[in-house]
Protein backbone atom coordinates (compact mmCIF):
# COMPACT_ATOMS: atom_id res chain seq x y z
CA UNK A 1 -166.53 -186.85 -96.31
CA UNK A 2 -167.50 -190.11 -94.65
CA UNK A 3 -165.98 -193.19 -96.16
CA UNK A 4 -166.68 -196.88 -96.42
CA UNK A 5 -163.94 -198.84 -98.13
CA UNK A 6 -164.16 -202.45 -99.28
CA UNK A 7 -160.63 -203.83 -99.44
CA UNK A 8 -159.10 -204.49 -102.84
CA UNK A 9 -156.07 -206.53 -103.77
CA UNK A 10 -153.25 -204.35 -105.15
CA UNK A 11 -153.14 -206.36 -108.37
CA UNK A 12 -156.83 -205.86 -109.13
CA UNK A 13 -156.22 -202.56 -110.90
CA UNK A 14 -152.93 -202.89 -112.75
CA UNK A 15 -150.27 -205.37 -113.81
CA UNK A 16 -147.40 -205.80 -111.37
CA UNK A 17 -144.68 -203.14 -111.40
CA UNK A 18 -141.09 -204.46 -111.62
CA UNK A 19 -138.25 -202.10 -110.73
CA UNK A 20 -135.04 -203.08 -112.57
CA UNK A 21 -131.87 -201.90 -110.81
CA UNK A 22 -129.17 -202.47 -113.43
CA UNK A 23 -126.31 -200.18 -114.52
CA UNK A 24 -125.76 -201.89 -117.89
CA UNK A 25 -128.24 -200.20 -120.24
CA UNK A 26 -128.25 -203.03 -122.79
CA UNK A 27 -129.20 -205.63 -120.18
CA UNK A 28 -131.83 -203.33 -118.69
CA UNK A 29 -133.37 -202.71 -122.13
CA UNK A 30 -133.62 -206.45 -122.79
CA UNK A 31 -135.29 -207.07 -119.42
CA UNK A 32 -137.72 -204.20 -119.98
CA UNK A 33 -138.70 -205.57 -123.39
CA UNK A 34 -139.26 -209.14 -122.16
CA UNK A 35 -141.14 -208.11 -119.01
CA UNK A 36 -143.41 -205.69 -120.85
CA UNK A 37 -144.07 -208.32 -123.50
CA UNK A 38 -145.35 -210.52 -120.67
CA UNK A 39 -147.75 -207.81 -119.55
CA UNK A 40 -145.74 -206.43 -116.62
CA UNK A 41 -144.99 -202.75 -115.99
CA UNK A 42 -141.35 -201.70 -115.56
CA UNK A 43 -139.16 -198.88 -114.28
CA UNK A 44 -135.35 -198.68 -114.51
CA UNK A 45 -132.86 -197.49 -111.88
CA UNK A 46 -129.26 -197.01 -113.02
CA UNK A 47 -127.49 -197.31 -109.64
CA UNK A 48 -128.08 -198.28 -106.03
CA UNK A 49 -129.02 -194.86 -104.72
CA UNK A 50 -131.53 -194.36 -107.52
CA UNK A 51 -132.96 -197.83 -106.85
CA UNK A 52 -133.71 -196.98 -103.21
CA UNK A 53 -135.19 -193.60 -104.11
CA UNK A 54 -137.42 -195.11 -106.80
CA UNK A 55 -138.45 -197.92 -104.48
CA UNK A 56 -139.62 -195.38 -101.89
CA UNK A 57 -141.49 -193.32 -104.48
CA UNK A 58 -143.02 -196.08 -106.62
CA UNK A 59 -143.47 -199.01 -104.21
CA UNK A 60 -142.89 -201.69 -106.88
CA UNK A 61 -144.26 -205.22 -106.63
CA UNK A 62 -140.82 -206.73 -107.24
CA UNK A 63 -137.19 -205.58 -107.53
CA UNK A 64 -134.70 -207.08 -109.99
CA UNK A 65 -131.45 -206.08 -108.30
CA UNK A 66 -127.99 -206.23 -109.87
CA UNK A 67 -125.19 -206.91 -107.36
CA UNK A 68 -122.36 -204.96 -108.98
CA UNK A 69 -123.71 -201.42 -109.33
CA UNK A 70 -122.05 -198.02 -108.91
CA UNK A 71 -122.56 -195.74 -105.89
CA UNK A 72 -124.25 -198.46 -103.83
CA UNK A 73 -123.94 -202.17 -104.59
CA UNK A 74 -126.80 -204.64 -104.58
CA UNK A 75 -125.91 -206.16 -101.21
CA UNK A 76 -126.13 -202.76 -99.50
CA UNK A 77 -129.35 -201.90 -101.33
CA UNK A 78 -130.91 -205.21 -100.26
CA UNK A 79 -129.75 -204.79 -96.67
CA UNK A 80 -131.21 -201.28 -96.43
CA UNK A 81 -134.39 -202.33 -98.18
CA UNK A 82 -135.00 -205.20 -95.78
CA UNK A 83 -134.78 -202.85 -92.79
CA UNK A 84 -138.10 -201.30 -93.78
CA UNK A 85 -139.79 -203.26 -96.57
CA UNK A 86 -140.61 -206.83 -97.64
CA UNK A 87 -140.72 -206.21 -101.40
CA UNK A 88 -139.76 -209.42 -103.27
CA UNK A 89 -136.19 -209.21 -104.62
CA UNK A 90 -134.45 -211.26 -107.30
CA UNK A 91 -130.69 -210.74 -107.40
CA UNK A 92 -128.85 -210.42 -110.73
CA UNK A 93 -125.11 -211.07 -110.70
CA UNK A 94 -122.17 -212.32 -112.72
CA UNK A 95 -120.89 -214.14 -109.64
CA UNK A 96 -121.60 -217.86 -109.62
CA UNK A 97 -120.38 -218.94 -106.22
CA UNK A 98 -122.43 -220.64 -103.55
CA UNK A 99 -121.24 -218.17 -100.89
CA UNK A 100 -122.73 -215.28 -102.88
CA UNK A 101 -126.04 -217.08 -103.24
CA UNK A 102 -126.08 -217.82 -99.52
CA UNK A 103 -125.32 -214.16 -98.73
CA UNK A 104 -128.18 -213.00 -100.91
CA UNK A 105 -130.64 -215.41 -99.34
CA UNK A 106 -129.49 -214.52 -95.82
CA UNK A 107 -130.02 -210.83 -96.55
CA UNK A 108 -133.56 -211.60 -97.67
CA UNK A 109 -133.44 -212.17 -101.43
CA UNK A 110 -136.27 -214.28 -102.84
CA UNK A 111 -134.34 -215.69 -105.79
CA UNK A 112 -130.97 -215.47 -107.53
CA UNK A 113 -130.12 -215.32 -111.27
CA UNK A 114 -126.56 -215.62 -112.61
CA UNK A 115 -125.39 -213.70 -115.70
CA UNK A 116 -125.38 -214.38 -118.56
CA UNK A 117 -129.01 -215.44 -118.36
CA UNK A 118 -131.89 -216.25 -120.65
CA UNK A 119 -134.31 -213.28 -120.40
CA UNK A 120 -137.27 -215.64 -120.77
CA UNK A 121 -136.06 -217.52 -117.68
CA UNK A 122 -135.84 -214.25 -115.74
CA UNK A 123 -139.44 -213.46 -116.68
CA UNK A 124 -140.51 -216.95 -115.56
CA UNK A 125 -138.75 -216.46 -112.22
CA UNK A 126 -140.34 -213.02 -111.78
CA UNK A 127 -143.79 -214.43 -112.45
CA UNK A 128 -143.17 -217.35 -110.06
CA UNK A 129 -142.07 -215.05 -107.22
CA UNK A 130 -145.03 -212.72 -107.84
CA UNK A 131 -147.47 -215.64 -107.76
CA UNK A 132 -145.94 -216.89 -104.54
CA UNK A 133 -145.88 -213.55 -102.76
CA UNK A 134 -149.24 -212.30 -104.01
CA UNK A 135 -150.97 -215.51 -103.00
CA UNK A 136 -150.29 -214.54 -99.37
CA UNK A 137 -152.70 -211.61 -99.77
CA UNK A 138 -156.27 -212.66 -98.93
CA UNK A 139 -158.81 -212.42 -101.71
CA UNK A 140 -161.10 -209.43 -101.50
CA UNK A 141 -164.04 -207.84 -103.19
CA UNK A 142 -163.55 -205.86 -106.36
CA UNK A 143 -165.76 -202.97 -105.26
CA UNK A 144 -164.63 -199.63 -103.84
CA UNK A 145 -166.97 -197.28 -101.98
CA UNK A 146 -165.96 -193.94 -100.48
CA UNK A 147 -168.71 -191.51 -99.52
CA UNK A 148 -171.10 -191.22 -102.50
CA UNK A 149 -168.55 -192.72 -104.91
CA UNK A 150 -168.62 -196.33 -106.04
CA UNK A 151 -166.22 -198.15 -108.36
CA UNK A 152 -166.83 -201.64 -109.73
CA UNK A 153 -163.35 -202.82 -110.69
CA UNK A 154 -164.49 -206.05 -112.34
CA UNK A 155 -166.85 -204.29 -114.73
CA UNK A 156 -164.79 -201.09 -114.98
CA UNK A 157 -167.66 -198.84 -113.92
CA UNK A 158 -167.64 -195.73 -111.73
CA UNK A 159 -170.69 -193.98 -110.31
CA UNK A 160 -171.71 -191.41 -107.71
CA UNK A 161 -174.87 -191.32 -105.63
CA UNK A 162 -177.15 -188.44 -106.55
CA UNK A 163 -180.63 -188.03 -105.07
CA UNK A 164 -180.69 -191.61 -103.85
CA UNK A 165 -179.53 -193.14 -107.15
CA UNK A 166 -176.15 -194.20 -108.52
CA UNK A 167 -175.30 -191.97 -111.48
CA UNK A 168 -172.68 -193.39 -113.88
CA UNK A 169 -169.50 -191.37 -114.39
CA UNK A 170 -168.24 -191.07 -117.96
CA UNK A 171 -164.47 -191.32 -117.40
CA UNK A 172 -161.51 -192.03 -119.63
CA UNK A 173 -159.35 -195.03 -118.74
CA UNK A 174 -156.74 -192.80 -117.11
CA UNK A 175 -159.35 -190.84 -115.14
CA UNK A 176 -160.87 -194.12 -113.94
CA UNK A 177 -157.47 -195.40 -112.80
CA UNK A 178 -156.67 -192.13 -111.01
CA UNK A 179 -159.99 -192.11 -109.16
CA UNK A 180 -159.69 -195.78 -108.22
CA UNK A 181 -156.08 -195.36 -107.02
CA UNK A 182 -157.02 -192.40 -104.80
CA UNK A 183 -160.12 -194.15 -103.45
CA UNK A 184 -158.10 -197.18 -102.39
CA UNK A 185 -156.41 -194.99 -99.75
CA UNK A 186 -158.56 -191.84 -99.48
CA UNK A 187 -156.65 -190.32 -96.55
CA UNK A 188 -153.24 -190.76 -98.17
CA UNK A 189 -151.42 -188.15 -100.27
CA UNK A 190 -150.06 -189.66 -103.48
CA UNK A 191 -147.07 -188.11 -105.23
CA UNK A 192 -147.29 -187.29 -108.92
CA UNK A 193 -144.59 -189.90 -109.57
CA UNK A 194 -146.72 -192.63 -107.97
CA UNK A 195 -149.79 -191.63 -109.96
CA UNK A 196 -147.76 -191.39 -113.15
CA UNK A 197 -146.47 -194.94 -112.84
CA UNK A 198 -149.68 -196.51 -111.54
CA UNK A 199 -152.31 -194.81 -113.64
CA UNK A 200 -150.92 -193.42 -116.88
CA UNK A 201 -149.97 -195.19 -120.13
CA UNK A 202 -146.40 -196.39 -120.53
CA UNK A 203 -145.58 -193.58 -122.98
CA UNK A 204 -146.35 -190.77 -120.50
CA UNK A 205 -143.23 -189.72 -118.59
CA UNK A 206 -143.94 -186.12 -117.55
CA UNK A 207 -145.40 -185.50 -114.10
CA UNK A 208 -147.29 -182.47 -115.39
CA UNK A 209 -149.37 -184.92 -117.45
CA UNK A 210 -150.88 -186.08 -114.14
CA UNK A 211 -152.04 -182.52 -113.43
CA UNK A 212 -153.82 -182.36 -116.78
CA UNK A 213 -155.75 -185.60 -116.18
CA UNK A 214 -156.62 -184.60 -112.61
CA UNK A 215 -157.93 -181.25 -113.89
CA UNK A 216 -160.20 -182.97 -116.43
CA UNK A 217 -161.46 -185.40 -113.77
CA UNK A 218 -162.24 -182.51 -111.41
CA UNK A 219 -164.21 -180.67 -114.09
CA UNK A 220 -166.39 -183.72 -114.71
CA UNK A 221 -167.11 -184.03 -111.00
CA UNK A 222 -167.69 -180.29 -110.57
CA UNK A 223 -170.33 -180.51 -113.31
CA UNK A 224 -172.18 -182.81 -110.88
CA UNK A 225 -171.70 -180.24 -108.09
CA UNK A 226 -168.97 -182.31 -106.42
CA UNK A 227 -166.20 -180.02 -105.20
CA UNK A 228 -162.65 -180.73 -104.00
CA UNK A 229 -162.21 -184.21 -105.52
CA UNK A 230 -159.40 -184.93 -106.06
CA UNK A 231 -157.80 -182.55 -103.57
CA UNK A 232 -154.38 -180.99 -104.09
CA UNK A 233 -151.72 -181.52 -101.42
CA UNK A 234 -149.19 -178.70 -101.63
CA UNK A 235 -145.66 -179.92 -102.35
CA UNK A 236 -146.74 -183.56 -102.60
CA UNK A 237 -149.46 -184.32 -105.12
CA UNK A 238 -153.06 -185.37 -104.60
CA UNK A 239 -155.37 -187.22 -102.25
CA UNK A 240 -158.95 -188.33 -102.79
CA UNK A 241 -160.63 -185.41 -101.02
CA UNK A 242 -159.90 -182.68 -98.51
CA UNK A 243 -162.52 -184.07 -96.12
CA UNK A 244 -161.74 -187.74 -96.54
């Protein structure tokens, strides 16, 4: 399948995803509530190892990283993260010493919040860092085109070219998000975990739910004699198409 892709900013489809690495459940719950109330998506890692694994799988827009965590502390997580990624990081710590702040900044942290903190202030800092880091990404069109498929992200419309004309696709919100996510990188295989976080409502937590939505999307496309979209990738998840 030939493809023509018009670049799209990552934030054009969904609110930013914030990964909260915090071993104290009460603090994590408060941060989740405040961030979601501000329209941001969240995921929670309970220790350093889980934070790195979730970062690799979910590719969050920002990491709220507690310093004193079990298994792997925040300094080690930040150091390992910076060896391969430039995800914005805000450190959370009970330590209020200048040397700790300097260490965090030298390791590549973008900001530093000392406990106890006002959750509203944390949200404000998150939003400020996201504005600063996302402004570095050049503006781009809000249209995706891959083969006969076309998605207008501004107007939330999907269509496919049939006999020289664009035929609208009647998709649910989740099906639209799945198709758009896959079209943004048609050669890439997305894991179910990535699709779950990026495309499904907050209440859905089971990866098998992704399979159900993909199946319904396929059936709608097969009714238009479009086969193999989305394509299954054994042991991984899905990509846009087997010929993309």
